[in-house]
Amino acid sequence: MSNITVRALNNDEMNLWDSFVETSPQGNIFNKKFWLDAVCSNFEIYVAEENGKIVGGIVVPNVKNRIYSMPKLTPQLGILLGKENDNIKYNKLISRGVTITSDLINILPKKPLQLEYNFSVNYTNMLPFIWNGYNVNLKYTYKINNTSDLKVVYDNFDYGIKSEIKKAMGKNIRVSEDYSIEDFYRVNNLTFERQNAVIPYSLEFIKKLDETLKENNCRKMLFAVNELDEIVAGVYLIYDKDTTYYLMGGADPDWRKFGVQSLLVWEAIKFSSEINTAFDFEGSMVPSIENYFRKFGGTQTPIYSINKANKIYDAMYSFGRKHKNTIRKFLKSN
């Protein structure tokens, strides 16, 4: 019989959670308390404990009433498991993970209007969720797992990406960090405007998040600037001890053809190499974006997600996702 108990953490215990995140194979910046405070106004953290030690946990963000979904700009959360002894047999490792996960599943809402949730790239055993009636879906990102040898990394780029980088350099594009979050938001918004879409987060939201990340020394902005000192592209990176993430980006439509975005991604990968981390493109399921990220030579990496919903709400939610840009434009105009 399992000696594992599950409970919600109190606010004064969040340092215990952050320490656990640091050691868990599934832990990342998105599970840290400071990140959650910046992107989500209402969440609970549940931990599985054994003999007074945290052996697993999960963040449950409650968007509104019985609606649970990923906070803005948060691509991964999910089950976190404790680091096990290196000598543990594989079948025992899987069994223990199943036990801890099953205990944590028991605290999840039984009848949500909507529960949609992404897991860490390092969490792959979805059987307990399937057994408990969840729909399991698959998304992909691309990761450059080893950035230590930049020559090897560059050699793995598609010819077209290399050509774009050279084109940007030929235009005397310089890379700078000396601009504000307002400047980044402006260039980030250009990408959404080009796609006839509404940017899904406000400047106020981004400024609050940026302040938090600066305080915790885990973000970097890079800008591509032309000879007229005009910002023509920008990328926003965040990082923890293991990975640098391409969180946001944007470019002036008139300058995209000159490879300015590809130059910035290359500079971002160089930064990732400097701090000895993997580089995660936080890939998209949009074909054109996926195709672009793929050309940088990263490893295609699955991200599992789960979904459970009331049937009527699920139909409404699916309609909303399909027409999200039209709805955002309507709400913005009113």
Protein backbone atom coordinates (compact mmCIF):
# COMPACT_ATOMS: atom_id res chain seq x y z
CA MET A 1 0.00 0.00 0.00
CA SER A 2 1.24 3.47 -0.88
CA ASN A 3 2.34 5.78 1.94
CA ILE A 4 1.85 8.80 -0.30
CA THR A 5 -0.47 11.62 0.74
CA VAL A 6 -1.58 14.57 -1.40
CA ARG A 7 -2.32 18.06 -0.14
CA ALA A 8 -2.40 21.69 -1.26
CA LEU A 9 0.62 23.79 -0.35
CA ASN A 10 0.14 26.86 1.80
CA ASN A 11 1.49 30.22 0.64
CA ASP A 12 4.26 30.14 3.23
CA GLU A 13 5.51 26.81 1.85
CA MET A 14 6.21 27.94 -1.71
CA ASN A 15 9.97 27.86 -1.11
CA LEU A 16 9.61 24.08 -0.70
CA TRP A 17 7.90 23.92 -4.09
CA ASP A 18 10.56 26.01 -5.83
CA SER A 19 13.28 23.78 -4.39
CA PHE A 20 11.45 20.70 -5.65
CA VAL A 21 11.07 22.26 -9.12
CA GLU A 22 14.86 22.74 -9.24
CA THR A 23 15.53 19.02 -8.72
CA SER A 24 12.62 17.44 -10.62
CA PRO A 25 13.43 16.11 -14.13
CA GLN A 26 10.21 17.82 -15.29
CA GLY A 27 10.87 21.08 -13.45
CA ASN A 28 11.27 24.30 -15.41
CA ILE A 29 10.82 28.06 -15.11
CA PHE A 30 7.10 27.84 -15.87
CA ASN A 31 6.47 25.98 -12.60
CA LYS A 32 8.27 28.51 -10.42
CA LYS A 33 6.19 30.58 -8.01
CA PHE A 34 7.38 33.92 -9.42
CA TRP A 35 6.32 32.92 -12.94
CA LEU A 36 2.91 31.72 -11.80
CA ASP A 37 2.28 34.90 -9.81
CA ALA A 38 3.00 36.98 -12.92
CA VAL A 39 0.82 35.07 -15.40
CA CYS A 40 -2.01 33.59 -13.34
CA SER A 41 -4.18 35.25 -10.71
CA ASN A 42 -5.63 32.03 -9.32
CA PHE A 43 -3.83 28.70 -8.96
CA GLU A 44 -3.24 25.89 -6.50
CA ILE A 45 -0.15 23.75 -6.09
CA TYR A 46 -0.72 20.19 -4.93
CA VAL A 47 2.11 17.98 -3.74
CA ALA A 48 2.44 14.25 -3.17
CA GLU A 49 4.45 13.56 -0.02
CA GLU A 50 6.09 10.43 1.30
CA ASN A 51 7.63 10.36 4.75
CA GLY A 52 7.50 14.16 4.87
CA LYS A 53 9.30 14.56 1.53
CA ILE A 54 7.78 15.95 -1.69
CA VAL A 55 7.92 13.21 -4.36
CA GLY A 56 5.55 14.75 -6.92
CA GLY A 57 3.38 17.75 -7.61
CA ILE A 58 1.18 19.65 -10.01
CA VAL A 59 0.15 23.27 -10.56
CA VAL A 60 -3.59 23.65 -11.20
CA PRO A 61 -4.45 27.05 -12.74
CA ASN A 62 -8.10 28.02 -12.35
CA VAL A 63 -8.95 30.60 -15.00
CA LYS A 64 -12.56 31.12 -13.97
CA ASN A 65 -15.16 29.09 -12.09
CA ARG A 66 -14.76 25.53 -13.44
CA ILE A 67 -12.47 26.43 -16.35
CA TYR A 68 -8.86 25.26 -16.07
CA SER A 69 -6.36 26.05 -18.81
CA MET A 70 -2.77 27.09 -19.39
CA PRO A 71 -1.95 30.68 -18.38
CA LYS A 72 -0.82 33.11 -21.07
CA LEU A 73 2.68 32.50 -22.47
CA THR A 74 2.99 29.30 -20.44
CA PRO A 75 3.63 26.36 -22.78
CA GLN A 76 4.45 23.70 -20.18
CA LEU A 77 3.30 22.75 -16.67
CA GLY A 78 2.09 19.26 -15.77
CA ILE A 79 3.08 16.53 -13.35
CA LEU A 80 6.47 16.90 -11.70
CA LEU A 81 8.13 13.82 -10.23
CA GLY A 82 11.00 13.64 -7.80
CA LYS A 83 14.43 12.56 -8.97
CA GLU A 84 14.88 8.85 -8.28
CA ASN A 85 18.01 6.86 -7.51
CA ASP A 86 20.06 6.23 -10.66
CA ASN A 87 20.15 2.51 -9.87
CA ILE A 88 16.37 2.04 -9.79
CA LYS A 89 15.11 -0.58 -12.27
CA TYR A 90 13.20 0.82 -15.23
CA ASN A 91 9.99 -1.08 -14.45
CA LYS A 92 10.14 0.19 -10.86
CA LEU A 93 10.68 3.74 -12.11
CA ILE A 94 7.59 3.54 -14.32
CA SER A 95 5.51 1.93 -11.55
CA ARG A 96 6.45 4.61 -9.06
CA GLY A 97 5.63 7.35 -11.55
CA VAL A 98 2.23 5.77 -12.21
CA THR A 99 1.48 5.59 -8.48
CA ILE A 100 2.40 9.22 -7.80
CA THR A 101 0.61 10.47 -10.92
CA SER A 102 -2.55 8.50 -10.09
CA ASP A 103 -2.63 9.99 -6.59
CA LEU A 104 -2.28 13.51 -8.03
CA ILE A 105 -4.98 12.87 -10.64
CA ASN A 106 -7.41 12.19 -7.80
CA ILE A 107 -7.27 15.84 -6.72
CA LEU A 108 -8.03 17.23 -10.19
CA PRO A 109 -11.55 18.58 -10.80
CA LYS A 110 -13.88 15.67 -11.57
CA LYS A 111 -16.40 17.59 -13.69
CA PRO A 112 -14.77 20.70 -15.12
CA LEU A 113 -16.48 22.81 -17.73
CA GLN A 114 -13.10 22.76 -19.45
CA LEU A 115 -9.69 21.42 -18.46
CA GLU A 116 -6.89 21.86 -20.99
CA TYR A 117 -3.34 21.30 -19.87
CA ASN A 118 0.19 20.87 -21.29
CA PHE A 119 3.01 18.83 -19.78
CA SER A 120 6.78 19.15 -19.66
CA VAL A 121 8.74 17.75 -22.59
CA ASN A 122 10.25 15.39 -19.99
CA TYR A 123 6.90 13.88 -18.98
CA THR A 124 5.78 11.10 -21.33
CA ASN A 125 3.75 8.45 -19.48
CA MET A 126 0.16 9.47 -20.15
CA LEU A 127 -1.39 6.09 -19.29
CA PRO A 128 -2.79 7.20 -15.89
CA PHE A 129 -4.66 10.04 -17.61
CA ILE A 130 -6.01 7.75 -20.33
CA TRP A 131 -7.18 5.30 -17.67
CA ASN A 132 -8.99 8.16 -15.93
CA GLY A 133 -10.96 9.27 -18.99
CA TYR A 134 -8.86 12.20 -20.21
CA ASN A 135 -8.32 12.91 -23.88
CA VAL A 136 -4.60 12.94 -24.63
CA ASN A 137 -3.26 15.07 -27.47
CA LEU A 138 0.17 15.67 -28.92
CA LYS A 139 2.01 18.87 -29.79
CA TYR A 140 5.58 19.39 -30.92
CA THR A 141 8.46 21.72 -30.27
CA TYR A 142 12.00 21.74 -31.64
CA LYS A 143 14.99 21.67 -29.29
CA ILE A 144 18.70 22.05 -29.84
CA ASN A 145 19.73 19.89 -26.91
CA ASN A 146 23.46 20.60 -27.15
CA THR A 147 24.51 24.17 -27.95
CA SER A 148 28.12 23.82 -26.77
CA ASP A 149 29.64 23.59 -30.27
CA LEU A 150 28.22 26.46 -32.30
CA LYS A 151 29.91 25.27 -35.49
CA VAL A 152 28.02 21.98 -35.28
CA VAL A 153 24.81 23.88 -34.52
CA TYR A 154 25.27 26.22 -37.50
CA ASP A 155 26.18 23.36 -39.84
CA ASN A 156 22.82 21.76 -39.02
CA PHE A 157 20.91 24.85 -40.19
CA ASP A 158 19.03 24.60 -43.46
CA TYR A 159 20.77 26.35 -46.37
CA GLY A 160 17.91 28.87 -46.55
CA ILE A 161 18.41 29.90 -42.91
CA LYS A 162 22.14 30.40 -43.44
CA SER A 163 21.37 32.49 -46.51
CA GLU A 164 18.95 34.68 -44.53
CA ILE A 165 21.51 35.28 -41.79
CA LYS A 166 24.11 36.35 -44.35
CA LYS A 167 21.55 38.59 -46.05
CA ALA A 168 20.79 40.39 -42.77
CA MET A 169 24.49 40.85 -42.09
CA GLY A 170 24.91 42.23 -45.60
CA LYS A 171 22.31 44.88 -44.75
CA ASN A 172 24.49 45.96 -41.81
CA ILE A 173 21.85 44.92 -39.30
CA ARG A 174 23.18 45.24 -35.78
CA VAL A 175 21.92 43.33 -32.77
CA SER A 176 21.20 45.34 -29.63
CA GLU A 177 19.71 44.89 -26.16
CA ASP A 178 19.35 48.62 -25.53
CA TYR A 179 15.60 49.00 -26.00
CA SER A 180 12.53 48.82 -23.78
CA ILE A 181 9.75 46.32 -23.27
CA GLU A 182 7.43 48.83 -24.96
CA ASP A 183 9.69 48.71 -28.02
CA PHE A 184 9.54 44.93 -28.03
CA TYR A 185 5.75 44.85 -27.68
CA ARG A 186 5.48 47.21 -30.65
CA VAL A 187 7.53 44.97 -32.94
CA ASN A 188 5.92 41.82 -31.54
CA ASN A 189 2.51 43.22 -32.46
CA LEU A 190 3.61 43.69 -36.08
CA THR A 191 3.64 39.92 -36.54
CA PHE A 192 0.03 39.62 -35.41
CA GLU A 193 -1.03 42.54 -37.60
CA ARG A 194 0.62 40.88 -40.60
CA GLN A 195 -1.51 37.80 -39.94
CA ASN A 196 -4.63 39.95 -39.50
CA ALA A 197 -4.81 38.77 -35.88
CA VAL A 198 -5.15 40.51 -32.52
CA ILE A 199 -2.22 40.19 -30.13
CA PRO A 200 -3.46 37.92 -27.29
CA TYR A 201 -1.87 39.80 -24.38
CA SER A 202 -1.82 43.43 -23.33
CA LEU A 203 1.17 45.71 -22.88
CA GLU A 204 0.32 45.92 -19.17
CA PHE A 205 0.48 42.12 -18.88
CA ILE A 206 3.85 41.97 -20.66
CA LYS A 207 5.29 44.81 -18.57
CA LYS A 208 4.32 43.06 -15.34
CA LEU A 209 5.82 39.78 -16.54
CA ASP A 210 8.98 41.51 -17.74
CA GLU A 211 9.53 43.21 -14.38
CA THR A 212 9.23 39.85 -12.62
CA LEU A 213 11.66 38.17 -15.00
CA LYS A 214 14.18 41.00 -14.69
CA GLU A 215 14.02 40.74 -10.90
CA ASN A 216 14.78 37.03 -11.18
CA ASN A 217 17.51 37.50 -13.82
CA CYS A 218 16.02 35.08 -16.32
CA ARG A 219 15.11 37.02 -19.45
CA LYS A 220 16.87 38.57 -22.41
CA MET A 221 15.59 40.77 -25.25
CA LEU A 222 17.41 41.06 -28.56
CA PHE A 223 16.62 43.61 -31.25
CA ALA A 224 17.64 43.84 -34.90
CA VAL A 225 18.32 47.47 -35.82
CA ASN A 226 18.95 48.88 -39.30
CA GLU A 227 21.31 51.67 -40.38
CA LEU A 228 18.61 54.27 -39.67
CA ASP A 229 18.43 53.05 -36.04
CA GLU A 230 14.97 51.58 -36.67
CA ILE A 231 13.97 48.41 -34.84
CA VAL A 232 13.11 45.84 -37.52
CA ALA A 233 12.79 42.68 -35.40
CA GLY A 234 12.87 41.47 -31.82
CA VAL A 235 12.99 38.26 -29.79
CA TYR A 236 12.18 37.71 -26.13
CA LEU A 237 14.00 34.88 -24.39
CA ILE A 238 13.58 33.36 -20.95
CA TYR A 239 15.85 30.80 -19.37
CA ASP A 240 16.41 28.51 -16.40
CA LYS A 241 19.38 26.32 -15.50
CA ASP A 242 18.65 23.82 -18.27
CA THR A 243 16.95 25.59 -21.17
CA THR A 244 16.63 28.89 -23.00
CA TYR A 245 13.14 29.38 -24.45
CA TYR A 246 12.12 31.43 -27.47
CA LEU A 247 9.04 32.94 -25.82
CA MET A 248 8.01 35.72 -28.24
CA GLY A 249 9.23 37.33 -31.42
CA GLY A 250 8.25 39.73 -34.16
CA ALA A 251 9.52 41.53 -37.22
CA ASP A 252 8.67 44.46 -39.47
CA PRO A 253 6.96 42.92 -42.53
CA ASP A 254 9.09 45.07 -44.85
CA TRP A 255 12.28 43.61 -43.37
CA ARG A 256 11.37 39.93 -42.97
CA LYS A 257 12.66 39.19 -46.48
CA PHE A 258 16.12 40.36 -45.40
CA GLY A 259 16.50 37.60 -42.80
CA VAL A 260 16.40 39.83 -39.72
CA GLN A 261 14.43 37.30 -37.66
CA SER A 262 16.79 34.45 -38.55
CA LEU A 263 19.77 36.57 -37.51
CA LEU A 264 18.16 37.18 -34.11
CA VAL A 265 17.39 33.49 -33.61
CA TRP A 266 21.04 32.70 -34.35
CA GLU A 267 22.13 35.31 -31.80
CA ALA A 268 19.65 33.81 -29.32
CA ILE A 269 21.18 30.36 -29.82
CA LYS A 270 24.64 31.86 -29.25
CA PHE A 271 23.39 33.27 -25.94
CA SER A 272 22.01 29.85 -25.02
CA SER A 273 25.45 28.39 -25.69
CA GLU A 274 27.09 31.05 -23.49
CA ILE A 275 25.00 30.05 -20.49
CA ASN A 276 25.28 26.33 -21.30
CA THR A 277 21.61 25.53 -21.89
CA ALA A 278 19.53 23.71 -24.48
CA PHE A 279 17.52 25.93 -26.83
CA ASP A 280 13.76 25.37 -27.10
CA PHE A 281 11.88 27.02 -29.97
CA GLU A 282 8.54 26.51 -28.16
CA GLY A 283 7.30 25.17 -31.48
CA SER A 284 3.98 25.88 -33.05
CA MET A 285 1.40 23.60 -34.66
CA VAL A 286 0.88 26.27 -37.33
CA PRO A 287 2.46 24.73 -40.47
CA SER A 288 4.36 27.84 -41.60
CA ILE A 289 5.85 28.47 -38.14
CA GLU A 290 6.69 24.78 -37.62
CA ASN A 291 8.42 24.70 -40.99
CA TYR A 292 10.51 27.77 -40.10
CA PHE A 293 11.63 26.43 -36.71
CA ARG A 294 12.38 23.00 -38.19
CA LYS A 295 15.01 24.54 -40.48
CA PHE A 296 17.24 25.42 -37.52
CA GLY A 297 18.10 21.73 -37.10
CA GLY A 298 16.62 21.06 -33.68
CA THR A 299 15.24 17.71 -32.55
CA GLN A 300 11.49 17.30 -32.94
CA THR A 301 10.24 16.85 -29.37
CA PRO A 302 6.69 15.90 -28.30
CA ILE A 303 4.68 17.80 -25.71
CA TYR A 304 1.66 15.91 -24.37
CA SER A 305 -1.54 17.65 -23.38
CA ILE A 306 -4.81 16.54 -21.83
CA ASN A 307 -8.37 17.71 -22.26
CA LYS A 308 -11.61 17.03 -20.45
CA ALA A 309 -14.77 19.07 -20.93
CA ASN A 310 -18.52 19.30 -20.56
CA LYS A 311 -19.92 18.40 -24.02
CA ILE A 312 -21.88 21.63 -24.48
CA TYR A 313 -19.02 23.78 -23.26
CA ASP A 314 -16.59 21.80 -25.42
CA ALA A 315 -18.62 22.64 -28.53
CA MET A 316 -18.66 26.33 -27.56
CA TYR A 317 -14.94 26.26 -26.78
CA SER A 318 -14.08 24.63 -30.11
CA PHE A 319 -16.10 27.28 -31.94
CA GLY A 320 -14.32 30.00 -29.96
CA ARG A 321 -10.86 28.65 -30.79
CA LYS A 322 -11.73 28.35 -34.47
CA HIS A 323 -12.93 31.96 -34.63
CA LYS A 324 -10.68 33.44 -31.90
CA ASN A 325 -9.25 36.25 -34.02
CA THR A 326 -12.70 37.41 -35.15
CA ILE A 327 -13.92 37.35 -31.54
CA ARG A 328 -10.86 39.28 -30.28
CA LYS A 329 -11.35 41.95 -32.93
CA PHE A 330 -15.02 42.30 -32.01
CA LEU A 331 -14.25 42.61 -28.29
CA LYS A 332 -11.45 45.10 -28.96
CA SER A 333 -13.70 47.29 -31.11
CA ASN A 334 -16.37 47.36 -28.43
